[in-house]
């Protein structure tokens, strides 16, 4: 009986150690992902400024916004990869009710129309 209780106690201690160890590892991964997303957000601002400048140049040449951002390549942007956000998703151009235009990134969750979307007014 004592031997069985001792084995059970050791097993519980091992499970507890493994559980807490994984918790710290997962927390470390979460912090790394958050830091990576912050870095990607900073890069996104620069990329969106580049695309916004290309849209502005298009406007100056055509007196209208492009129907889609692909029309900016190759005359205004050297590569279609310039039209991807930091997470690899295509940027969008959207218009609101007051006819304001925005560049939109889906953000870290890679889904449009959620709370983490990034917008830049044109």
C-alpha atoms as a PDB file:
ATOM      1  CA  UNK A   1       0.000   0.000   0.000  1.00  0.00           C
ATOM      2  CA  UNK A   2       2.762   2.435   0.936  1.00  0.00           C
ATOM      3  CA  UNK A   3       4.656   1.587  -2.222  1.00  0.00           C
ATOM      4  CA  UNK A   4       1.581   2.350  -4.393  1.00  0.00           C
ATOM      5  CA  UNK A   5       1.043   5.714  -2.685  1.00  0.00           C
ATOM      6  CA  UNK A   6       4.697   6.598  -3.177  1.00  0.00           C
ATOM      7  CA  UNK A   7       4.490   5.818  -6.904  1.00  0.00           C
ATOM      8  CA  UNK A   8       1.299   7.859  -7.205  1.00  0.00           C
ATOM      9  CA  UNK A   9       2.942  10.804  -5.424  1.00  0.00           C
ATOM     10  CA  UNK A  10       6.011  10.637  -7.704  1.00  0.00           C
ATOM     11  CA  UNK A  11       3.775  10.439 -10.772  1.00  0.00           C
ATOM     12  CA  UNK A  12       1.860  13.544  -9.639  1.00  0.00           C
ATOM     13  CA  UNK A  13       5.115  15.427  -9.064  1.00  0.00           C
ATOM     14  CA  UNK A  14       6.379  14.489 -12.546  1.00  0.00           C
ATOM     15  CA  UNK A  15       3.092  15.604 -14.139  1.00  0.00           C
ATOM     16  CA  UNK A  16       3.232  18.882 -12.211  1.00  0.00           C
ATOM     17  CA  UNK A  17       6.830  19.525 -13.322  1.00  0.00           C
ATOM     18  CA  UNK A  18       5.995  18.759 -16.947  1.00  0.00           C
ATOM     19  CA  UNK A  19       2.867  20.906 -16.845  1.00  0.00           C
ATOM     20  CA  UNK A  20       4.638  23.950 -15.396  1.00  0.00           C
ATOM     21  CA  UNK A  21       7.575  23.519 -17.758  1.00  0.00           C
ATOM     22  CA  UNK A  22       5.298  23.541 -20.796  1.00  0.00           C
ATOM     23  CA  UNK A  23       3.478  26.564 -19.446  1.00  0.00           C
ATOM     24  CA  UNK A  24       6.694  28.559 -19.342  1.00  0.00           C
ATOM     25  CA  UNK A  25       7.655  27.371 -22.815  1.00  0.00           C
ATOM     26  CA  UNK A  26       4.253  28.333 -24.230  1.00  0.00           C
ATOM     27  CA  UNK A  27       4.483  31.731 -22.539  1.00  0.00           C
ATOM     28  CA  UNK A  28       7.906  32.247 -24.111  1.00  0.00           C
ATOM     29  CA  UNK A  29       6.514  31.355 -27.531  1.00  0.00           C
ATOM     30  CA  UNK A  30       3.616  33.790 -27.010  1.00  0.00           C
ATOM     31  CA  UNK A  31       6.043  36.587 -26.188  1.00  0.00           C
ATOM     32  CA  UNK A  32       8.122  35.765 -29.282  1.00  0.00           C
ATOM     33  CA  UNK A  33       5.055  35.821 -31.529  1.00  0.00           C
ATOM     34  CA  UNK A  34       3.962  39.131 -30.039  1.00  0.00           C
ATOM     35  CA  UNK A  35       7.422  40.623 -30.592  1.00  0.00           C
ATOM     36  CA  UNK A  36       7.423  39.311 -34.164  1.00  0.00           C
ATOM     37  CA  UNK A  37       3.992  40.832 -34.819  1.00  0.00           C
ATOM     38  CA  UNK A  38       5.210  44.193 -33.455  1.00  0.00           C
ATOM     39  CA  UNK A  39       8.183  44.071 -35.820  1.00  0.00           C
ATOM     40  CA  UNK A  40       5.924  43.145 -38.725  1.00  0.00           C
ATOM     41  CA  UNK A  41       3.590  46.027 -37.835  1.00  0.00           C
ATOM     42  CA  UNK A  42       6.495  48.477 -37.956  1.00  0.00           C
ATOM     43  CA  UNK A  43       7.525  47.134 -41.377  1.00  0.00           C
ATOM     44  CA  UNK A  44       3.921  47.307 -42.529  1.00  0.00           C
ATOM     45  CA  UNK A  45       3.799  51.067 -41.907  1.00  0.00           C
ATOM     46  CA  UNK A  46       6.755  51.575 -44.246  1.00  0.00           C
ATOM     47  CA  UNK A  47       5.284  49.259 -46.884  1.00  0.00           C
ATOM     48  CA  UNK A  48       1.878  50.948 -46.728  1.00  0.00           C
ATOM     49  CA  UNK A  49       3.545  54.354 -47.165  1.00  0.00           C
ATOM     50  CA  UNK A  50       5.276  53.043 -50.296  1.00  0.00           C
ATOM     51  CA  UNK A  51       1.992  51.750 -51.734  1.00  0.00           C
ATOM     52  CA  UNK A  52       0.206  54.977 -50.768  1.00  0.00           C
ATOM     53  CA  UNK A  53       2.852  56.967 -52.674  1.00  0.00           C
ATOM     54  CA  UNK A  54       2.302  54.738 -55.706  1.00  0.00           C
ATOM     55  CA  UNK A  55      -1.470  55.261 -55.468  1.00  0.00           C
ATOM     56  CA  UNK A  56      -0.886  59.011 -55.241  1.00  0.00           C
ATOM     57  CA  UNK A  57       1.319  58.922 -58.348  1.00  0.00           C
ATOM     58  CA  UNK A  58      -1.391  56.919 -60.146  1.00  0.00           C
ATOM     59  CA  UNK A  59      -3.942  59.546 -59.108  1.00  0.00           C
ATOM     60  CA  UNK A  60      -1.734  62.334 -60.467  1.00  0.00           C
ATOM     61  CA  UNK A  61      -1.408  60.550 -63.833  1.00  0.00           C
ATOM     62  CA  UNK A  62      -5.031  59.353 -64.231  1.00  0.00           C
ATOM     63  CA  UNK A  63      -7.060  61.690 -61.997  1.00  0.00           C
ATOM     64  CA  UNK A  64      -8.683  58.661 -60.337  1.00  0.00           C
ATOM     65  CA  UNK A  65      -7.739  55.857 -57.988  1.00  0.00           C
ATOM     66  CA  UNK A  66      -6.839  52.499 -59.538  1.00  0.00           C
ATOM     67  CA  UNK A  67      -9.683  49.976 -59.732  1.00  0.00           C
ATOM     68  CA  UNK A  68      -7.370  47.507 -58.035  1.00  0.00           C
ATOM     69  CA  UNK A  69      -3.867  47.746 -56.649  1.00  0.00           C
ATOM     70  CA  UNK A  70      -2.435  45.362 -59.268  1.00  0.00           C
ATOM     71  CA  UNK A  71      -2.609  48.252 -61.740  1.00  0.00           C
ATOM     72  CA  UNK A  72       0.282  49.872 -59.862  1.00  0.00           C
ATOM     73  CA  UNK A  73       2.734  47.191 -61.050  1.00  0.00           C
ATOM     74  CA  UNK A  74       5.163  47.700 -62.789  1.00  0.00           C
ATOM     75  CA  UNK A  75       4.824  51.416 -63.572  1.00  0.00           C
ATOM     76  CA  UNK A  76       4.411  52.629 -59.959  1.00  0.00           C
ATOM     77  CA  UNK A  77       5.712  49.651 -57.967  1.00  0.00           C
ATOM     78  CA  UNK A  78       8.521  47.388 -59.108  1.00  0.00           C
ATOM     79  CA  UNK A  79       6.957  44.135 -57.906  1.00  0.00           C
ATOM     80  CA  UNK A  80       3.608  42.649 -56.936  1.00  0.00           C
ATOM     81  CA  UNK A  81       5.197  41.550 -53.644  1.00  0.00           C
ATOM     82  CA  UNK A  82       4.978  45.224 -52.639  1.00  0.00           C
ATOM     83  CA  UNK A  83       1.218  44.681 -52.472  1.00  0.00           C
ATOM     84  CA  UNK A  84       1.509  42.053 -49.713  1.00  0.00           C
ATOM     85  CA  UNK A  85       1.355  42.933 -46.041  1.00  0.00           C
ATOM     86  CA  UNK A  86       3.941  41.748 -43.532  1.00  0.00           C
ATOM     87  CA  UNK A  87       1.977  38.529 -42.948  1.00  0.00           C
ATOM     88  CA  UNK A  88       1.886  37.649 -46.668  1.00  0.00           C
ATOM     89  CA  UNK A  89      -1.694  38.716 -47.408  1.00  0.00           C
ATOM     90  CA  UNK A  90      -2.652  41.123 -50.192  1.00  0.00           C
ATOM     91  CA  UNK A  91      -3.349  44.715 -49.227  1.00  0.00           C
ATOM     92  CA  UNK A  92      -6.773  46.060 -50.137  1.00  0.00           C
ATOM     93  CA  UNK A  93      -8.018  49.475 -51.075  1.00  0.00           C
ATOM     94  CA  UNK A  94     -11.380  50.311 -49.526  1.00  0.00           C
ATOM     95  CA  UNK A  95     -13.733  53.270 -49.658  1.00  0.00           C
ATOM     96  CA  UNK A  96     -15.904  54.397 -46.749  1.00  0.00           C
ATOM     97  CA  UNK A  97     -19.325  56.118 -46.792  1.00  0.00           C
ATOM     98  CA  UNK A  98     -17.731  59.581 -47.042  1.00  0.00           C
ATOM     99  CA  UNK A  99     -15.737  58.528 -50.137  1.00  0.00           C
ATOM    100  CA  UNK A 100     -12.451  58.365 -48.220  1.00  0.00           C
ATOM    101  CA  UNK A 101     -10.044  55.740 -49.491  1.00  0.00           C
ATOM    102  CA  UNK A 102      -7.877  53.523 -47.292  1.00  0.00           C
ATOM    103  CA  UNK A 103      -5.184  50.907 -47.693  1.00  0.00           C
ATOM    104  CA  UNK A 104      -6.099  47.966 -45.482  1.00  0.00           C
ATOM    105  CA  UNK A 105      -4.070  45.058 -44.133  1.00  0.00           C
ATOM    106  CA  UNK A 106      -5.791  42.069 -42.536  1.00  0.00           C
ATOM    107  CA  UNK A 107      -3.247  42.239 -39.709  1.00  0.00           C
ATOM    108  CA  UNK A 108      -1.753  39.422 -37.643  1.00  0.00           C
ATOM    109  CA  UNK A 109      -4.867  37.233 -37.682  1.00  0.00           C
ATOM    110  CA  UNK A 110      -4.876  37.383 -41.519  1.00  0.00           C
ATOM    111  CA  UNK A 111      -8.645  37.943 -41.597  1.00  0.00           C
ATOM    112  CA  UNK A 112     -10.163  41.172 -42.903  1.00  0.00           C
ATOM    113  CA  UNK A 113     -12.801  43.113 -40.960  1.00  0.00           C
ATOM    114  CA  UNK A 114     -11.534  42.122 -37.516  1.00  0.00           C
ATOM    115  CA  UNK A 115     -10.163  44.293 -34.739  1.00  0.00           C
ATOM    116  CA  UNK A 116      -6.500  43.895 -35.644  1.00  0.00           C
ATOM    117  CA  UNK A 117      -6.778  45.214 -39.222  1.00  0.00           C
ATOM    118  CA  UNK A 118      -4.370  48.020 -40.074  1.00  0.00           C
ATOM    119  CA  UNK A 119      -5.648  50.990 -42.126  1.00  0.00           C
ATOM    120  CA  UNK A 120      -3.921  53.918 -43.747  1.00  0.00           C
ATOM    121  CA  UNK A 121      -5.908  56.756 -45.249  1.00  0.00           C
ATOM    122  CA  UNK A 122      -5.016  57.752 -48.796  1.00  0.00           C
END
